[in-house]
Amino acid sequence: MSIRYKGDILGALKEKGYSTARLRKEKVFGERTMQEFRTNGVIPYKTLNKLCEMLDCQVGDIIEYIPDAAQDSAAPNNV
């Protein structure tokens, strides 16, 4: 996968006072979404937006693009 989380999403939320129990109780994120956080899975833009709001950060603080080695060698130098 070329996009990955920069850190532990659930850990960052916990630092802001959002334990997994609280997230479930307040129905902020469902169990499936929290599992996606744990496994570096795909999340929708709406969830990413909510994370930025809750963590008071930018998208680039949460995710990063990592080029695949195969793509690097085949890709042209211009965008």
PDB file of N, CA and C in Angstrom:
ATOM      1  N   MET A   1       0.848  -1.182   0.000  1.00  0.00           N
ATOM      2  CA  MET A   1       0.000   0.000   0.000  1.00  0.00           C
ATOM      3  C   MET A   1       0.889   1.238   0.000  1.00  0.00           C
ATOM      4  N   SER A   2       0.520   2.247  -0.716  1.00  0.00           N
ATOM      5  CA  SER A   2       1.329   3.453  -0.855  1.00  0.00           C
ATOM      6  C   SER A   2       1.007   4.529   0.173  1.00  0.00           C
ATOM      7  N   ILE A   3      -0.127   4.417   0.837  1.00  0.00           N
ATOM      8  CA  ILE A   3      -0.506   5.394   1.855  1.00  0.00           C
ATOM      9  C   ILE A   3      -0.528   4.672   3.190  1.00  0.00           C
ATOM     10  N   ARG A   4       0.078   5.276   4.204  1.00  0.00           N
ATOM     11  CA  ARG A   4       0.057   4.643   5.523  1.00  0.00           C
ATOM     12  C   ARG A   4      -0.066   5.711   6.603  1.00  0.00           C
ATOM     13  N   TYR A   5      -0.462   5.254   7.792  1.00  0.00           N
ATOM     14  CA  TYR A   5      -0.558   6.148   8.934  1.00  0.00           C
ATOM     15  C   TYR A   5       0.841   6.456   9.447  1.00  0.00           C
ATOM     16  N   LYS A   6       1.066   7.674   9.878  1.00  0.00           N
ATOM     17  CA  LYS A   6       2.367   8.067  10.398  1.00  0.00           C
ATOM     18  C   LYS A   6       2.598   7.570  11.814  1.00  0.00           C
ATOM     19  N   GLY A   7       1.535   7.287  12.519  1.00  0.00           N
ATOM     20  CA  GLY A   7       1.683   6.864  13.907  1.00  0.00           C
ATOM     21  C   GLY A   7       0.501   6.033  14.353  1.00  0.00           C
ATOM     22  N   ASP A   8       0.420   5.837  15.638  1.00  0.00           N
ATOM     23  CA  ASP A   8      -0.645   5.069  16.267  1.00  0.00           C
ATOM     24  C   ASP A   8      -1.861   5.969  16.451  1.00  0.00           C
ATOM     25  N   ILE A   9      -2.860   5.801  15.607  1.00  0.00           N
ATOM     26  CA  ILE A   9      -4.056   6.649  15.650  1.00  0.00           C
ATOM     27  C   ILE A   9      -4.774   6.511  16.984  1.00  0.00           C
ATOM     28  N   LEU A  10      -5.011   5.279  17.422  1.00  0.00           N
ATOM     29  CA  LEU A  10      -5.723   5.079  18.681  1.00  0.00           C
ATOM     30  C   LEU A  10      -4.914   5.624  19.862  1.00  0.00           C
ATOM     31  N   GLY A  11      -3.603   5.520  19.795  1.00  0.00           N
ATOM     32  CA  GLY A  11      -2.753   6.094  20.842  1.00  0.00           C
ATOM     33  C   GLY A  11      -2.858   7.613  20.880  1.00  0.00           C
ATOM     34  N   ALA A  12      -2.877   8.244  19.709  1.00  0.00           N
ATOM     35  CA  ALA A  12      -3.005   9.702  19.636  1.00  0.00           C
ATOM     36  C   ALA A  12      -4.362  10.147  20.165  1.00  0.00           C
ATOM     37  N   LEU A  13      -5.398   9.395  19.837  1.00  0.00           N
ATOM     38  CA  LEU A  13      -6.728   9.719  20.354  1.00  0.00           C
ATOM     39  C   LEU A  13      -6.771   9.575  21.873  1.00  0.00           C
ATOM     40  N   LYS A  14      -6.118   8.528  22.379  1.00  0.00           N
ATOM     41  CA  LYS A  14      -6.086   8.299  23.823  1.00  0.00           C
ATOM     42  C   LYS A  14      -5.406   9.459  24.538  1.00  0.00           C
ATOM     43  N   GLU A  15      -4.322   9.984  23.939  1.00  0.00           N
ATOM     44  CA  GLU A  15      -3.632  11.141  24.515  1.00  0.00           C
ATOM     45  C   GLU A  15      -4.546  12.354  24.604  1.00  0.00           C
ATOM     46  N   LYS A  16      -5.522  12.434  23.708  1.00  0.00           N
ATOM     47  CA  LYS A  16      -6.478  13.541  23.703  1.00  0.00           C
ATOM     48  C   LYS A  16      -7.704  13.245  24.581  1.00  0.00           C
ATOM     49  N   GLY A  17      -7.676  12.090  25.273  1.00  0.00           N
ATOM     50  CA  GLY A  17      -8.774  11.759  26.176  1.00  0.00           C
ATOM     51  C   GLY A  17      -9.831  10.849  25.596  1.00  0.00           C
ATOM     52  N   TYR A  18      -9.573  10.275  24.419  1.00  0.00           N
ATOM     53  CA  TYR A  18     -10.541   9.399  23.757  1.00  0.00           C
ATOM     54  C   TYR A  18     -10.080   7.947  23.827  1.00  0.00           C
ATOM     55  N   SER A  19     -10.441   7.253  24.880  1.00  0.00           N
ATOM     56  CA  SER A  19     -10.127   5.822  24.975  1.00  0.00           C
ATOM     57  C   SER A  19     -11.015   5.064  23.992  1.00  0.00           C
ATOM     58  N   THR A  20     -10.647   3.823  23.703  1.00  0.00           N
ATOM     59  CA  THR A  20     -11.488   3.027  22.792  1.00  0.00           C
ATOM     60  C   THR A  20     -12.875   2.826  23.389  1.00  0.00           C
ATOM     61  N   ALA A  21     -12.957   2.676  24.706  1.00  0.00           N
ATOM     62  CA  ALA A  21     -14.270   2.528  25.362  1.00  0.00           C
ATOM     63  C   ALA A  21     -15.112   3.788  25.152  1.00  0.00           C
ATOM     64  N   ARG A  22     -14.504   4.942  25.302  1.00  0.00           N
ATOM     65  CA  ARG A  22     -15.233   6.197  25.102  1.00  0.00           C
ATOM     66  C   ARG A  22     -15.666   6.354  23.645  1.00  0.00           C
ATOM     67  N   LEU A  23     -14.774   5.999  22.720  1.00  0.00           N
ATOM     68  CA  LEU A  23     -15.115   6.111  21.300  1.00  0.00           C
ATOM     69  C   LEU A  23     -16.310   5.239  20.950  1.00  0.00           C
ATOM     70  N   ARG A  24     -16.367   4.042  21.533  1.00  0.00           N
ATOM     71  CA  ARG A  24     -17.509   3.144  21.294  1.00  0.00           C
ATOM     72  C   ARG A  24     -18.775   3.680  21.955  1.00  0.00           C
ATOM     73  N   LYS A  25     -18.645   4.071  23.230  1.00  0.00           N
ATOM     74  CA  LYS A  25     -19.808   4.547  23.998  1.00  0.00           C
ATOM     75  C   LYS A  25     -20.456   5.762  23.347  1.00  0.00           C
ATOM     76  N   GLU A  26     -19.617   6.693  22.905  1.00  0.00           N
ATOM     77  CA  GLU A  26     -20.130   7.921  22.285  1.00  0.00           C
ATOM     78  C   GLU A  26     -20.404   7.744  20.787  1.00  0.00           C
ATOM     79  N   LYS A  27     -20.154   6.537  20.295  1.00  0.00           N
ATOM     80  CA  LYS A  27     -20.379   6.191  18.892  1.00  0.00           C
ATOM     81  C   LYS A  27     -19.668   7.143  17.932  1.00  0.00           C
ATOM     82  N   VAL A  28     -18.431   7.485  18.305  1.00  0.00           N
ATOM     83  CA  VAL A  28     -17.609   8.345  17.462  1.00  0.00           C
ATOM     84  C   VAL A  28     -17.133   7.554  16.254  1.00  0.00           C
ATOM     85  N   PHE A  29     -16.572   6.365  16.513  1.00  0.00           N
ATOM     86  CA  PHE A  29     -16.138   5.453  15.463  1.00  0.00           C
ATOM     87  C   PHE A  29     -16.636   4.061  15.809  1.00  0.00           C
ATOM     88  N   GLY A  30     -16.993   3.312  14.798  1.00  0.00           N
ATOM     89  CA  GLY A  30     -17.410   1.938  15.004  1.00  0.00           C
ATOM     90  C   GLY A  30     -16.207   1.022  15.161  1.00  0.00           C
ATOM     91  N   GLU A  31     -16.477  -0.210  15.564  1.00  0.00           N
ATOM     92  CA  GLU A  31     -15.398  -1.182  15.769  1.00  0.00           C
ATOM     93  C   GLU A  31     -14.633  -1.439  14.471  1.00  0.00           C
ATOM     94  N   ARG A  32     -15.342  -1.474  13.352  1.00  0.00           N
ATOM     95  CA  ARG A  32     -14.664  -1.707  12.066  1.00  0.00           C
ATOM     96  C   ARG A  32     -13.646  -0.601  11.772  1.00  0.00           C
ATOM     97  N   THR A  33     -14.038   0.636  12.005  1.00  0.00           N
ATOM     98  CA  THR A  33     -13.129   1.761  11.768  1.00  0.00           C
ATOM     99  C   THR A  33     -11.928   1.680  12.696  1.00  0.00           C
ATOM    100  N   MET A  34     -12.160   1.354  13.956  1.00  0.00           N
ATOM    101  CA  MET A  34     -11.044   1.241  14.892  1.00  0.00           C
ATOM    102  C   MET A  34     -10.114   0.091  14.503  1.00  0.00           C
ATOM    103  N   GLN A  35     -10.681  -0.965  13.934  1.00  0.00           N
ATOM    104  CA  GLN A  35      -9.843  -2.062  13.451  1.00  0.00           C
ATOM    105  C   GLN A  35      -9.003  -1.599  12.255  1.00  0.00           C
ATOM    106  N   GLU A  36      -9.566  -0.764  11.413  1.00  0.00           N
ATOM    107  CA  GLU A  36      -8.812  -0.196  10.289  1.00  0.00           C
ATOM    108  C   GLU A  36      -7.640   0.640  10.803  1.00  0.00           C
ATOM    109  N   PHE A  37      -7.848   1.381  11.897  1.00  0.00           N
ATOM    110  CA  PHE A  37      -6.755   2.145  12.502  1.00  0.00           C
ATOM    111  C   PHE A  37      -5.643   1.200  12.952  1.00  0.00           C
ATOM    112  N   ARG A  38      -6.022   0.084  13.553  1.00  0.00           N
ATOM    113  CA  ARG A  38      -5.044  -0.874  14.093  1.00  0.00           C
ATOM    114  C   ARG A  38      -4.232  -1.553  12.990  1.00  0.00           C
ATOM    115  N   THR A  39      -4.863  -1.789  11.838  1.00  0.00           N
ATOM    116  CA  THR A  39      -4.222  -2.569  10.776  1.00  0.00           C
ATOM    117  C   THR A  39      -3.748  -1.724   9.596  1.00  0.00           C
ATOM    118  N   ASN A  40      -3.735  -0.407   9.766  1.00  0.00           N
ATOM    119  CA  ASN A  40      -3.326   0.498   8.689  1.00  0.00           C
ATOM    120  C   ASN A  40      -4.246   0.347   7.477  1.00  0.00           C
ATOM    121  N   GLY A  41      -5.510   0.115   7.774  1.00  0.00           N
ATOM    122  CA  GLY A  41      -6.495  -0.080   6.714  1.00  0.00           C
ATOM    123  C   GLY A  41      -7.005   1.221   6.123  1.00  0.00           C
ATOM    124  N   VAL A  42      -7.813   1.091   5.115  1.00  0.00           N
ATOM    125  CA  VAL A  42      -8.373   2.232   4.401  1.00  0.00           C
ATOM    126  C   VAL A  42      -9.544   2.817   5.191  1.00  0.00           C
ATOM    127  N   ILE A  43      -9.558   4.134   5.321  1.00  0.00           N
ATOM    128  CA  ILE A  43     -10.667   4.817   5.978  1.00  0.00           C
ATOM    129  C   ILE A  43     -11.226   5.870   5.031  1.00  0.00           C
ATOM    130  N   PRO A  44     -12.516   6.159   5.140  1.00  0.00           N
ATOM    131  CA  PRO A  44     -13.109   7.176   4.258  1.00  0.00           C
ATOM    132  C   PRO A  44     -12.673   8.595   4.636  1.00  0.00           C
ATOM    133  N   TYR A  45     -12.821   9.508   3.693  1.00  0.00           N
ATOM    134  CA  TYR A  45     -12.454  10.905   3.922  1.00  0.00           C
ATOM    135  C   TYR A  45     -13.193  11.492   5.118  1.00  0.00           C
ATOM    136  N   LYS A  46     -14.437  11.102   5.290  1.00  0.00           N
ATOM    137  CA  LYS A  46     -15.235  11.608   6.411  1.00  0.00           C
ATOM    138  C   LYS A  46     -14.559  11.256   7.738  1.00  0.00           C
ATOM    139  N   THR A  47     -14.028  10.052   7.844  1.00  0.00           N
ATOM    140  CA  THR A  47     -13.331   9.620   9.052  1.00  0.00           C
ATOM    141  C   THR A  47     -12.030  10.385   9.214  1.00  0.00           C
ATOM    142  N   LEU A  48     -11.312  10.578   8.129  1.00  0.00           N
ATOM    143  CA  LEU A  48     -10.067  11.344   8.160  1.00  0.00           C
ATOM    144  C   LEU A  48     -10.334  12.780   8.616  1.00  0.00           C
ATOM    145  N   ASN A  49     -11.408  13.339   8.126  1.00  0.00           N
ATOM    146  CA  ASN A  49     -11.810  14.692   8.522  1.00  0.00           C
ATOM    147  C   ASN A  49     -12.089  14.742  10.027  1.00  0.00           C
ATOM    148  N   LYS A  50     -12.808  13.743  10.538  1.00  0.00           N
ATOM    149  CA  LYS A  50     -13.139  13.678  11.958  1.00  0.00           C
ATOM    150  C   LYS A  50     -11.857  13.541  12.792  1.00  0.00           C
ATOM    151  N   LEU A  51     -10.921  12.720  12.337  1.00  0.00           N
ATOM    152  CA  LEU A  51      -9.648  12.576  13.043  1.00  0.00           C
ATOM    153  C   LEU A  51      -8.903  13.908  13.128  1.00  0.00           C
ATOM    154  N   CYS A  52      -8.848  14.634  12.023  1.00  0.00           N
ATOM    155  CA  CYS A  52      -8.167  15.936  12.008  1.00  0.00           C
ATOM    156  C   CYS A  52      -8.820  16.892  13.002  1.00  0.00           C
ATOM    157  N   GLU A  53     -10.131  16.856  13.060  1.00  0.00           N
ATOM    158  CA  GLU A  53     -10.875  17.704  13.991  1.00  0.00           C
ATOM    159  C   GLU A  53     -10.552  17.312  15.440  1.00  0.00           C
ATOM    160  N   MET A  54     -10.603  16.023  15.738  1.00  0.00           N
ATOM    161  CA  MET A  54     -10.393  15.549  17.103  1.00  0.00           C
ATOM    162  C   MET A  54      -8.951  15.729  17.573  1.00  0.00           C
ATOM    163  N   LEU A  55      -7.995  15.530  16.672  1.00  0.00           N
ATOM    164  CA  LEU A  55      -6.580  15.629  17.021  1.00  0.00           C
ATOM    165  C   LEU A  55      -6.004  17.023  16.792  1.00  0.00           C
ATOM    166  N   ASP A  56      -6.829  17.912  16.218  1.00  0.00           N
ATOM    167  CA  ASP A  56      -6.404  19.278  15.909  1.00  0.00           C
ATOM    168  C   ASP A  56      -5.119  19.260  15.085  1.00  0.00           C
ATOM    169  N   CYS A  57      -5.214  18.620  13.915  1.00  0.00           N
ATOM    170  CA  CYS A  57      -4.041  18.475  13.059  1.00  0.00           C
ATOM    171  C   CYS A  57      -4.453  18.507  11.585  1.00  0.00           C
ATOM    172  N   GLN A  58      -3.466  18.412  10.720  1.00  0.00           N
ATOM    173  CA  GLN A  58      -3.682  18.365   9.280  1.00  0.00           C
ATOM    174  C   GLN A  58      -3.607  16.914   8.803  1.00  0.00           C
ATOM    175  N   VAL A  59      -4.166  16.638   7.632  1.00  0.00           N
ATOM    176  CA  VAL A  59      -4.147  15.293   7.063  1.00  0.00           C
ATOM    177  C   VAL A  59      -2.721  14.752   6.980  1.00  0.00           C
ATOM    178  N   GLY A  60      -1.790  15.589   6.582  1.00  0.00           N
ATOM    179  CA  GLY A  60      -0.389  15.181   6.463  1.00  0.00           C
ATOM    180  C   GLY A  60       0.259  14.804   7.787  1.00  0.00           C
ATOM    181  N   ASP A  61      -0.360  15.182   8.892  1.00  0.00           N
ATOM    182  CA  ASP A  61       0.132  14.776  10.200  1.00  0.00           C
ATOM    183  C   ASP A  61      -0.296  13.343  10.528  1.00  0.00           C
ATOM    184  N   ILE A  62      -1.303  12.840   9.813  1.00  0.00           N
ATOM    185  CA  ILE A  62      -1.878  11.519  10.092  1.00  0.00           C
ATOM    186  C   ILE A  62      -1.404  10.467   9.099  1.00  0.00           C
ATOM    187  N   ILE A  63      -1.379  10.821   7.814  1.00  0.00           N
ATOM    188  CA  ILE A  63      -1.013   9.847   6.785  1.00  0.00           C
ATOM    189  C   ILE A  63       0.139  10.373   5.936  1.00  0.00           C
ATOM    190  N   GLU A  64       0.814   9.435   5.280  1.00  0.00           N
ATOM    191  CA  GLU A  64       1.894   9.813   4.367  1.00  0.00           C
ATOM    192  C   GLU A  64       1.892   8.879   3.159  1.00  0.00           C
ATOM    193  N   TYR A  65       2.430   9.363   2.073  1.00  0.00           N
ATOM    194  CA  TYR A  65       2.556   8.584   0.843  1.00  0.00           C
ATOM    195  C   TYR A  65       3.947   7.971   0.793  1.00  0.00           C
ATOM    196  N   ILE A  66       3.986   6.662   0.593  1.00  0.00           N
ATOM    197  CA  ILE A  66       5.243   5.935   0.443  1.00  0.00           C
ATOM    198  C   ILE A  66       5.239   5.290  -0.938  1.00  0.00           C
ATOM    199  N   PRO A  67       6.106   5.723  -1.836  1.00  0.00           N
ATOM    200  CA  PRO A  67       6.119   5.130  -3.175  1.00  0.00           C
ATOM    201  C   PRO A  67       6.525   3.654  -3.119  1.00  0.00           C
ATOM    202  N   ASP A  68       5.870   2.849  -3.932  1.00  0.00           N
ATOM    203  CA  ASP A  68       6.253   1.452  -4.076  1.00  0.00           C
ATOM    204  C   ASP A  68       7.547   1.395  -4.873  1.00  0.00           C
ATOM    205  N   ALA A  69       8.409   0.480  -4.541  1.00  0.00           N
ATOM    206  CA  ALA A  69       9.699   0.345  -5.239  1.00  0.00           C
ATOM    207  C   ALA A  69       9.494   0.097  -6.713  1.00  0.00           C
ATOM    208  N   ALA A  70       8.507  -0.721  -7.084  1.00  0.00           N
ATOM    209  CA  ALA A  70       8.236  -1.021  -8.487  1.00  0.00           C
ATOM    210  C   ALA A  70       7.745   0.213  -9.230  1.00  0.00           C
ATOM    211  N   GLN A  71       6.956   1.034  -8.559  1.00  0.00           N
ATOM    212  CA  GLN A  71       6.452   2.244  -9.207  1.00  0.00           C
ATOM    213  C   GLN A  71       7.574   3.239  -9.433  1.00  0.00           C
ATOM    214  N   ASP A  72       8.505   3.319  -8.492  1.00  0.00           N
ATOM    215  CA  ASP A  72       9.615   4.273  -8.601  1.00  0.00           C
ATOM    216  C   ASP A  72      10.440   4.038  -9.860  1.00  0.00           C
ATOM    217  N   SER A  73      10.749   2.789 -10.154  1.00  0.00           N
ATOM    218  CA  SER A  73      11.614   2.502 -11.289  1.00  0.00           C
ATOM    219  C   SER A  73      10.886   2.663 -12.621  1.00  0.00           C
ATOM    220  N   ALA A  74       9.570   2.518 -12.637  1.00  0.00           N
ATOM    221  CA  ALA A  74       8.810   2.606 -13.878  1.00  0.00           C
ATOM    222  C   ALA A  74       8.240   4.001 -14.133  1.00  0.00           C
ATOM    223  N   ALA A  75       8.176   4.824 -13.102  1.00  0.00           N
ATOM    224  CA  ALA A  75       7.530   6.134 -13.222  1.00  0.00           C
ATOM    225  C   ALA A  75       8.468   7.137 -13.896  1.00  0.00           C
ATOM    226  N   PRO A  76       7.901   8.000 -14.754  1.00  0.00           N
ATOM    227  CA  PRO A  76       8.713   9.069 -15.335  1.00  0.00           C
ATOM    228  C   PRO A  76       9.068  10.096 -14.266  1.00  0.00           C
ATOM    229  N   ASN A  77      10.078  10.899 -14.522  1.00  0.00           N
ATOM    230  CA  ASN A  77      10.547  11.877 -13.527  1.00  0.00           C
ATOM    231  C   ASN A  77       9.638  13.080 -13.403  1.00  0.00           C
ATOM    232  N   ASN A  78       8.759  13.305 -14.357  1.00  0.00           N
ATOM    233  CA  ASN A  78       7.871  14.475 -14.250  1.00  0.00           C
ATOM    234  C   ASN A  78       6.477  14.040 -13.817  1.00  0.00           C
ATOM    235  N   VAL A  79       5.762  14.974 -13.235  1.00  0.00           N
ATOM    236  CA  VAL A  79       4.416  14.670 -12.728  1.00  0.00           C
ATOM    237  C   VAL A  79       3.376  15.181 -13.680  1.00  0.00           C
TER     238      VAL A  79
END
